[in-house]
């Protein structure tokens, strides 16, 4: 999915207006006084905000047009509920509501089934979160949501976790212009602490032909079961460098074998 296309849902994103803070406040005053055209101007003037939020949901396999429409629903809810009296920028208030609307859409289309009671609790927690966001003009903590529901914090966390959409192990989480770092690169493998797959394949000879730093990285990653972040901290280089060196070392070993 990409948000770089010019036409989304028939909207030419290259021609979207950008409102100043003073223009926004004036439009809100007009809208809250009953001017419906001001609402339309507020929606159109903040569509770029929806586009910026969509970038958080890349690689989810959902059509960008669908997510854009769902994000616009969140934007309209934020416009309808925004309180000019609160000392907070509209974008600060609107982004959590747009994100929440898109996450609800993704959860409702999630192929993983969750029990009705757990889903109901999660949706109640989300409703409370939205209400607290409006009241506090910030994202509430899980503890505040649990207190509002008169439930243990752990129960609310479990319910919210149960309706999170699954994430692919191959979803990139960082890229600095070189090889991307994937979710799987952040996960350690405990069974490798006893015997690594490198050992079981008897490739000590190939390991010996690598440089000292490459041998250290592979040893920590596949014998000690450490994550790339842990390896990077231990040997004093960046995680991106660990990723590149690890891939190059494995490729070299395959050639040697």
Protein backbone atom coordinates (compact mmCIF):
# COMPACT_ATOMS: atom_id res chain seq x y z
CA UNK A 1 0.00 0.00 0.00
CA UNK A 2 1.24 3.48 -0.77
CA UNK A 3 -0.09 6.97 -0.23
CA UNK A 4 2.04 8.53 -2.98
CA UNK A 5 -0.68 8.27 -5.64
CA UNK A 6 -2.23 11.57 -6.68
CA UNK A 7 -5.83 10.36 -6.86
CA UNK A 8 -7.34 8.74 -3.74
CA UNK A 9 -11.09 8.21 -3.72
CA UNK A 10 -11.35 10.82 -6.46
CA UNK A 11 -9.44 13.40 -4.37
CA UNK A 12 -6.44 15.06 -5.99
CA UNK A 13 -4.03 15.00 -3.04
CA UNK A 14 -1.66 17.42 -4.77
CA UNK A 15 -4.30 20.16 -4.59
CA UNK A 16 -5.40 19.73 -0.97
CA UNK A 17 -5.37 23.04 0.97
CA UNK A 18 -3.32 23.67 4.10
CA UNK A 19 -5.07 25.70 6.80
CA UNK A 20 -3.29 28.01 9.21
CA UNK A 21 -4.11 27.81 12.91
CA UNK A 22 -6.09 31.07 12.74
CA UNK A 23 -8.08 29.80 9.74
CA UNK A 24 -8.83 26.58 11.61
CA UNK A 25 -10.13 28.40 14.68
CA UNK A 26 -12.30 30.69 12.57
CA UNK A 27 -13.80 27.72 10.71
CA UNK A 28 -14.49 25.94 14.00
CA UNK A 29 -16.24 29.03 15.38
CA UNK A 30 -18.41 29.21 12.25
CA UNK A 31 -19.19 25.50 12.28
CA UNK A 32 -20.09 25.46 15.96
CA UNK A 33 -22.38 28.42 15.28
CA UNK A 34 -24.27 26.33 12.72
CA UNK A 35 -22.42 26.94 9.43
CA UNK A 36 -22.34 23.53 7.69
CA UNK A 37 -20.11 24.82 4.89
CA UNK A 38 -17.42 25.48 7.50
CA UNK A 39 -17.48 21.77 8.39
CA UNK A 40 -16.84 20.85 4.76
CA UNK A 41 -13.94 23.29 4.67
CA UNK A 42 -12.51 21.78 7.87
CA UNK A 43 -12.73 18.26 6.43
CA UNK A 44 -11.05 19.23 3.17
CA UNK A 45 -8.45 21.32 4.95
CA UNK A 46 -7.38 18.36 7.12
CA UNK A 47 -7.32 15.53 4.57
CA UNK A 48 -3.52 15.76 4.53
CA UNK A 49 -3.68 14.73 8.20
CA UNK A 50 -5.49 11.54 7.18
CA UNK A 51 -2.87 10.86 4.51
CA UNK A 52 -0.06 11.21 7.06
CA UNK A 53 -1.79 8.74 9.40
CA UNK A 54 -2.21 6.19 6.58
CA UNK A 55 1.56 5.80 6.37
CA UNK A 56 1.44 3.97 9.72
CA UNK A 57 -0.63 1.23 8.10
CA UNK A 58 1.58 0.36 5.13
CA UNK A 59 1.97 -3.32 4.23
CA UNK A 60 -1.36 -4.32 5.80
CA UNK A 61 -2.75 -5.59 2.49
CA UNK A 62 -5.72 -3.23 2.62
CA UNK A 63 -6.62 -0.95 -0.33
CA UNK A 64 -5.44 2.58 0.38
CA UNK A 65 -8.78 4.00 -0.83
CA UNK A 66 -10.66 1.97 1.81
CA UNK A 67 -8.37 3.07 4.63
CA UNK A 68 -8.55 6.68 3.44
CA UNK A 69 -12.36 6.63 3.65
CA UNK A 70 -12.23 5.09 7.14
CA UNK A 71 -9.67 7.70 8.20
CA UNK A 72 -11.99 10.44 6.94
CA UNK A 73 -14.73 9.08 9.23
CA UNK A 74 -12.33 9.46 12.16
CA UNK A 75 -11.49 12.98 11.00
CA UNK A 76 -15.17 13.97 10.88
CA UNK A 77 -15.76 12.56 14.36
CA UNK A 78 -12.82 14.61 15.62
CA UNK A 79 -14.21 17.77 13.97
CA UNK A 80 -17.65 17.18 15.48
CA UNK A 81 -16.27 16.68 19.00
CA UNK A 82 -13.38 19.15 19.12
CA UNK A 83 -13.60 21.70 21.92
CA UNK A 84 -12.14 25.10 21.01
CA UNK A 85 -11.91 25.93 24.70
CA UNK A 86 -9.20 23.33 25.26
CA UNK A 87 -5.64 24.56 24.84
CA UNK A 88 -4.66 21.88 22.32
CA UNK A 89 -4.01 21.83 18.58
CA UNK A 90 -6.64 20.11 16.48
CA UNK A 91 -4.09 17.76 14.92
CA UNK A 92 -3.04 16.56 18.39
CA UNK A 93 -6.66 15.75 19.17
CA UNK A 94 -7.59 14.32 15.75
CA UNK A 95 -4.72 11.90 15.09
CA UNK A 96 -5.66 9.40 17.87
CA UNK A 97 -9.27 9.40 16.66
CA UNK A 98 -8.24 8.78 13.03
CA UNK A 99 -5.85 6.02 14.11
CA UNK A 100 -8.54 4.48 16.32
CA UNK A 101 -11.08 4.44 13.51
CA UNK A 102 -8.66 2.69 11.14
CA UNK A 103 -7.65 0.17 13.81
CA UNK A 104 -11.31 -0.66 14.46
CA UNK A 105 -11.83 -1.25 10.76
CA UNK A 106 -8.81 -3.56 10.60
CA UNK A 107 -9.95 -5.46 13.71
CA UNK A 108 -13.44 -5.97 12.29
CA UNK A 109 -11.86 -7.46 9.17
CA UNK A 110 -9.43 -9.61 11.15
CA UNK A 111 -9.60 -13.33 10.17
CA UNK A 112 -8.64 -14.37 13.72
CA UNK A 113 -11.76 -15.02 15.82
CA UNK A 114 -12.02 -13.64 19.36
CA UNK A 115 -14.75 -14.56 21.85
CA UNK A 116 -17.78 -12.25 21.90
CA UNK A 117 -17.37 -11.36 25.59
CA UNK A 118 -13.71 -10.43 25.12
CA UNK A 119 -14.47 -8.41 22.00
CA UNK A 120 -17.31 -6.58 23.80
CA UNK A 121 -14.97 -5.69 26.67
CA UNK A 122 -12.35 -4.45 24.22
CA UNK A 123 -14.89 -2.25 22.42
CA UNK A 124 -16.10 -0.83 25.74
CA UNK A 125 -12.48 -0.01 26.57
CA UNK A 126 -12.07 1.70 23.19
CA UNK A 127 -15.20 3.77 23.76
CA UNK A 128 -13.89 4.82 27.16
CA UNK A 129 -10.53 5.64 25.60
CA UNK A 130 -12.19 7.92 23.04
CA UNK A 131 -14.25 9.62 25.76
CA UNK A 132 -11.16 10.14 27.94
CA UNK A 133 -9.20 11.44 24.95
CA UNK A 134 -11.90 14.04 24.42
CA UNK A 135 -12.06 14.91 28.12
CA UNK A 136 -8.30 14.98 28.79
CA UNK A 137 -7.18 16.23 25.35
CA UNK A 138 -4.55 13.47 25.29
CA UNK A 139 -4.26 9.70 24.91
CA UNK A 140 -5.27 8.07 28.25
CA UNK A 141 -3.20 5.35 29.89
CA UNK A 142 -4.47 1.78 30.20
CA UNK A 143 -4.67 2.33 33.96
CA UNK A 144 -7.01 5.29 33.48
CA UNK A 145 -9.21 3.26 31.11
CA UNK A 146 -9.32 0.35 33.60
CA UNK A 147 -10.23 2.70 36.46
CA UNK A 148 -13.08 4.17 34.39
CA UNK A 149 -14.40 0.64 33.73
CA UNK A 150 -13.82 -0.45 37.37
CA UNK A 151 -11.84 -3.44 36.08
CA UNK A 152 -8.34 -4.77 36.77
CA UNK A 153 -5.72 -3.30 34.46
CA UNK A 154 -4.56 -6.77 33.36
CA UNK A 155 -8.06 -7.67 32.19
CA UNK A 156 -8.28 -4.56 30.01
CA UNK A 157 -4.79 -5.16 28.57
CA UNK A 158 -5.72 -8.77 27.73
CA UNK A 159 -8.93 -7.70 25.98
CA UNK A 160 -7.21 -4.97 23.94
CA UNK A 161 -4.37 -7.32 22.96
CA UNK A 162 -6.88 -9.95 21.82
CA UNK A 163 -8.32 -7.72 19.10
CA UNK A 164 -5.03 -6.42 17.73
CA UNK A 165 -4.54 -7.28 14.07
CA UNK A 166 -1.74 -9.82 13.40
CA UNK A 167 1.61 -8.54 12.17
CA UNK A 168 3.73 -10.41 9.64
CA UNK A 169 7.21 -11.49 10.77
CA UNK A 170 8.43 -10.08 7.48
CA UNK A 171 6.94 -6.61 8.02
CA UNK A 172 9.75 -4.02 7.80
CA UNK A 173 10.08 -1.81 10.87
CA UNK A 174 13.15 0.20 9.90
CA UNK A 175 15.06 1.03 6.74
CA UNK A 176 17.96 3.42 6.35
CA UNK A 177 18.35 3.16 2.59
CA UNK A 178 19.95 -0.30 2.75
CA UNK A 179 18.57 -3.66 3.76
CA UNK A 180 15.38 -3.31 5.84
CA UNK A 181 15.06 -4.66 9.39
CA UNK A 182 12.05 -6.94 9.80
CA UNK A 183 9.95 -7.92 12.83
CA UNK A 184 11.61 -11.36 12.84
CA UNK A 185 15.00 -9.68 13.31
CA UNK A 186 13.77 -8.37 16.68
CA UNK A 187 12.81 -11.80 18.00
CA UNK A 188 15.21 -14.07 19.83
CA UNK A 189 15.00 -17.86 19.52
CA UNK A 190 15.32 -19.51 22.93
CA UNK A 191 15.95 -22.98 21.56
CA UNK A 192 19.15 -21.70 19.99
CA UNK A 193 20.62 -21.23 23.46
CA UNK A 194 21.29 -24.99 23.75
CA UNK A 195 22.36 -25.84 20.24
CA UNK A 196 22.31 -23.63 17.20
CA UNK A 197 21.30 -24.73 13.75
CA UNK A 198 24.81 -23.77 12.60
CA UNK A 199 26.29 -26.39 14.94
CA UNK A 200 23.87 -29.10 13.86
CA UNK A 201 24.92 -28.62 10.22
CA UNK A 202 28.60 -29.05 11.08
CA UNK A 203 29.77 -25.91 9.32
CA UNK A 204 32.51 -24.93 11.72
CA UNK A 205 34.95 -24.93 8.84
CA UNK A 206 32.90 -22.35 6.96
CA UNK A 207 32.62 -20.23 10.11
CA UNK A 208 36.39 -20.27 10.51
CA UNK A 209 36.78 -18.61 7.10
CA UNK A 210 34.71 -15.58 8.13
CA UNK A 211 36.11 -12.44 9.67
CA UNK A 212 36.21 -12.15 13.46
CA UNK A 213 33.32 -9.66 13.64
CA UNK A 214 31.10 -11.78 11.36
CA UNK A 215 31.84 -14.90 13.46
CA UNK A 216 30.96 -12.99 16.63
CA UNK A 217 27.66 -11.76 15.17
CA UNK A 218 26.60 -15.24 13.99
CA UNK A 219 27.64 -16.79 17.29
CA UNK A 220 25.61 -14.30 19.32
CA UNK A 221 22.61 -14.49 16.98
CA UNK A 222 22.36 -18.24 16.41
CA UNK A 223 24.19 -19.85 19.35
CA UNK A 224 23.23 -17.40 22.11
CA UNK A 225 19.81 -16.61 20.60
CA UNK A 226 20.21 -12.84 20.93
CA UNK A 227 18.30 -10.20 18.94
CA UNK A 228 20.06 -7.90 16.50
CA UNK A 229 19.56 -5.00 18.92
CA UNK A 230 21.29 -6.95 21.72
CA UNK A 231 24.16 -7.89 19.39
CA UNK A 232 24.54 -4.28 18.26
CA UNK A 233 24.80 -3.07 21.86
CA UNK A 234 27.32 -5.77 22.73
CA UNK A 235 29.76 -5.13 19.89
CA UNK A 236 29.20 -1.38 19.62
CA UNK A 237 27.73 -0.90 16.15
CA UNK A 238 24.24 0.00 14.84
CA UNK A 239 21.47 -2.56 14.40
CA UNK A 240 21.38 -1.76 10.67
CA UNK A 241 25.08 -2.67 10.42
CA UNK A 242 24.46 -5.94 12.30
CA UNK A 243 21.67 -6.77 9.86
CA UNK A 244 23.86 -6.14 6.81
CA UNK A 245 26.86 -8.05 8.21
CA UNK A 246 24.67 -10.98 9.26
CA UNK A 247 23.08 -11.32 5.83
CA UNK A 248 26.44 -11.02 4.06
CA UNK A 249 28.04 -13.61 6.37
CA UNK A 250 25.23 -16.11 5.84
CA UNK A 251 25.42 -15.62 2.09
CA UNK A 252 29.18 -16.22 2.17
CA UNK A 253 28.73 -19.40 4.23
CA UNK A 254 26.15 -20.75 1.81
CA UNK A 255 28.62 -20.23 -1.03
CA UNK A 256 31.35 -22.00 0.93
CA UNK A 257 29.06 -24.92 1.68
